[in-house]
Protein backbone atom coordinates (compact mmCIF):
# COMPACT_ATOMS: atom_id res chain seq x y z
CA ARG A 1 0.00 0.00 0.00
CA LEU A 2 2.83 2.43 0.90
CA ALA A 3 4.61 1.62 -2.39
CA GLU A 4 1.43 2.39 -4.34
CA ARG A 5 0.99 5.78 -2.68
CA THR A 6 4.64 6.65 -3.18
CA GLY A 7 4.44 5.60 -6.84
CA GLU A 8 1.28 7.65 -7.37
CA ARG A 9 2.87 10.72 -5.77
CA VAL A 10 6.02 10.37 -7.87
CA LEU A 11 3.99 9.95 -11.07
CA GLU A 12 1.82 12.91 -10.11
CA LYS A 13 4.85 15.16 -9.48
CA VAL A 14 6.57 14.04 -12.68
CA GLY A 15 3.38 14.68 -14.67
CA GLU A 16 3.03 18.15 -13.17
CA ARG A 17 6.63 19.06 -13.94
CA VAL A 18 6.42 17.77 -17.50
CA THR A 19 3.20 19.68 -18.23
CA GLU A 20 4.57 22.82 -16.56
CA GLY A 21 7.77 22.61 -18.64
CA ILE A 22 5.87 22.10 -21.87
CA GLY A 23 3.47 24.93 -21.02
CA GLU A 24 6.30 27.30 -20.17
CA ARG A 25 8.15 26.49 -23.38
CA LEU A 26 5.03 26.98 -25.50
CA LEU A 27 4.22 30.30 -23.84
CA GLU A 28 7.83 31.46 -24.10
CA ARG A 29 8.07 30.64 -27.81
CA ALA A 30 4.70 32.18 -28.59
CA SER A 31 5.48 35.38 -26.69
CA GLU A 32 8.90 35.66 -28.34
CA ARG A 33 7.33 35.36 -31.79
CA VAL A 34 4.63 37.90 -31.00
CA VAL A 35 7.16 40.40 -29.59
CA GLU A 36 9.55 39.90 -32.50
CA ARG A 37 6.87 40.32 -35.15
CA THR A 38 5.37 43.33 -33.42
CA LEU A 39 8.76 45.04 -33.08
CA GLU A 40 9.67 44.31 -36.69
CA ARG A 41 6.36 45.57 -38.06
CA SER A 42 6.30 48.74 -35.97
CA GLY A 43 9.96 49.44 -36.75
CA GLU A 44 9.41 48.98 -40.47
CA ARG A 45 6.38 51.26 -40.45
CA ALA A 46 8.16 53.95 -38.45
CA LEU A 47 11.21 53.83 -40.71
CA GLU A 48 9.06 54.04 -43.84
CA ARG A 49 7.10 57.03 -42.52
CA GLY A 50 10.19 58.78 -41.19
CA ALA A 51 12.23 58.19 -44.34
CA GLU A 52 9.36 59.44 -46.49
CA ARG A 53 8.99 62.62 -44.44
CA VAL A 54 12.72 63.27 -44.24
CA GLY A 55 13.21 62.62 -47.96
CA THR A 56 10.34 64.88 -48.93
CA ARG A 57 11.55 67.64 -46.64
CA LEU A 58 15.13 67.38 -47.91
CA VAL A 59 14.14 67.56 -51.53
CA GLU A 60 11.67 70.38 -50.97
CA THR A 61 13.86 72.66 -48.88
CA THR A 62 17.52 72.05 -49.58
CA LEU A 63 18.00 70.78 -53.12
CA ARG A 64 16.06 73.48 -54.96
CA ILE A 65 18.23 74.01 -57.94
CA SER A 66 17.26 76.72 -60.39
CA GLU A 67 18.92 78.00 -63.52
CA GLY A 68 20.76 80.66 -61.53
CA THR A 69 22.23 78.29 -58.96
CA THR A 70 26.01 78.42 -58.81
CA LEU A 71 28.26 75.48 -58.08
CA LEU A 72 29.14 76.92 -54.68
CA GLN A 73 25.45 77.21 -53.75
CA TYR A 74 24.86 73.63 -54.92
CA ILE A 75 27.77 72.37 -52.80
CA GLY A 76 26.46 74.30 -49.78
CA ARG A 77 23.04 72.70 -50.18
CA LEU A 78 24.61 69.27 -50.62
CA VAL A 79 26.51 69.74 -47.35
CA LYS A 80 23.20 70.53 -45.65
CA VAL A 81 21.73 67.32 -47.00
CA LEU A 82 24.71 65.31 -45.78
CA HIS A 83 24.36 67.02 -42.40
CA VAL A 84 20.97 65.32 -42.07
CA LEU A 85 21.71 62.16 -44.03
CA VAL A 86 24.65 61.02 -41.88
CA PRO A 87 22.64 60.80 -38.60
CA ALA A 88 19.73 59.21 -40.50
CA LEU A 89 22.00 56.48 -41.88
CA GLY A 90 23.56 56.09 -38.42
CA MET A 91 20.08 55.55 -37.03
CA LEU A 92 19.46 52.77 -39.57
CA LEU A 93 22.79 51.13 -38.72
CA VAL A 94 22.10 51.18 -34.99
CA ALA A 95 18.54 49.90 -35.61
CA HIS A 96 20.10 46.94 -37.41
CA MET A 97 22.37 46.41 -34.40
CA VAL A 98 19.31 46.38 -32.11
CA HIS A 99 17.75 43.72 -34.30
CA GLN A 100 20.92 41.61 -34.18
CA ASP A 101 21.22 42.09 -30.40
CA PHE A 102 17.67 40.82 -30.01
CA HIS A 103 18.39 37.68 -32.04
CA ARG A 104 21.64 37.04 -30.14
CA LEU A 105 19.84 37.52 -26.81
CA ARG A 106 17.20 34.96 -27.80
CA GLN A 107 19.85 32.54 -29.05
CA GLU A 108 21.91 32.84 -25.87
CA TRP A 109 18.89 32.25 -23.66
CA SER A 110 17.52 29.32 -25.67
CA GLN A 111 20.87 27.52 -25.95
CA HIS A 112 22.56 28.16 -22.62
CA ARG A 113 20.00 29.69 -20.22
CA ALA A 114 22.88 31.74 -18.82
CA ARG A 115 21.53 34.73 -16.94
CA CYS A 116 24.77 36.70 -16.89
CA THR A 117 25.50 36.65 -20.63
CA THR A 118 21.84 37.03 -21.53
CA GLY A 119 21.66 40.02 -19.20
CA LEU A 120 24.69 41.58 -20.89
CA PHE A 121 23.06 41.16 -24.30
CA LEU A 122 19.91 42.76 -22.88
CA VAL A 123 21.94 45.74 -21.61
CA GLY A 124 23.52 46.08 -25.06
CA LEU A 125 20.12 45.91 -26.71
CA LEU A 126 18.70 48.60 -24.43
CA CYS A 127 21.69 50.90 -24.93
CA ASP A 128 21.49 50.51 -28.72
CA ALA A 129 17.72 51.10 -28.62
CA PHE A 130 18.32 54.34 -26.69
CA ASP A 131 20.92 55.34 -29.29
CA VAL A 132 18.37 54.75 -32.08
CA CYS A 133 15.94 57.04 -30.26
CA VAL A 134 18.63 59.73 -29.89
CA HIS A 135 19.47 59.52 -33.60
CA GLY A 136 15.76 59.79 -34.40
CA VAL A 137 15.39 62.91 -32.26
CA VAL A 138 18.48 64.48 -33.88
CA VAL A 139 17.16 63.83 -37.39
CA ALA A 140 13.70 65.06 -36.42
CA SER A 141 15.17 68.22 -34.92
CA MET A 142 16.97 68.95 -38.19
CA THR A 143 13.98 68.33 -40.43
CA LEU A 144 10.55 68.16 -38.80
CA VAL A 145 10.31 69.79 -35.37
CA HIS A 146 12.25 72.18 -33.16
CA VAL A 147 14.05 70.56 -30.24
CA ASP A 148 15.67 72.71 -27.55
CA HIS A 149 19.41 72.95 -28.19
CA HIS A 150 20.45 72.18 -24.61
CA TRP A 151 18.08 69.22 -24.37
CA LEU A 152 19.47 67.90 -27.65
CA HIS A 153 23.04 68.14 -26.35
CA TRP A 154 21.99 66.36 -23.15
CA LEU A 155 20.42 63.56 -25.19
CA GLU A 156 23.46 63.25 -27.44
CA HIS A 157 25.75 63.09 -24.40
CA TYR A 158 23.80 60.22 -22.83
CA GLY A 159 23.49 58.55 -26.24
CA LEU A 160 27.29 58.50 -26.45
CA VAL A 161 27.51 57.16 -22.90
CA ALA A 162 25.05 54.39 -23.81
CA ALA A 163 26.93 53.56 -27.02
C-alpha cells in the first residue's frame, strides 16, 4: 500500500513538472514570436514614414536648384543634405544592431540559459535602442520639429555614454 501511494505521488509530481515545462516552453516561444513580429512591423512602419517625411523635406527645402544656382550654392546645399543624411544612416545602422542584439539575446537564452551573458546582451540591446531614439530625435530636430538645443546636447551626451 505504501509503495502504491509513493508511486502515485512520484507519477503525479513528474506529470506536473512535464506539463509545466511544456506549457512554459510553448508560452515562451509564442510570446517571443509575438514580440519579434510586433517590433519588426512597428519598426518597419516607423522607418518608412520617417524616411518618407525626411526625404520629402530634404528635396523640398535644400535641393532646390534653379537655372541661376552656382556650383558653390549647390555644394552648400549638398553639405546641408549630408548634415541630415549622416545621422539618418547612423540611425538605420544602430537599428540593425538592435535587431541583431535581439536575435543574439534569444539565441543565448535558448541555448545556454545563462543569466549573466543574456543580461549583458539585454543591456547592449537597451543601450542601442536608446541610441536609435537619440538619432531619431536628432534627425527630427533637423527636419521636422524644433528641439531645444540644450536638451538635444543632453540627449546626445547620454546617447554617447550608452553607445
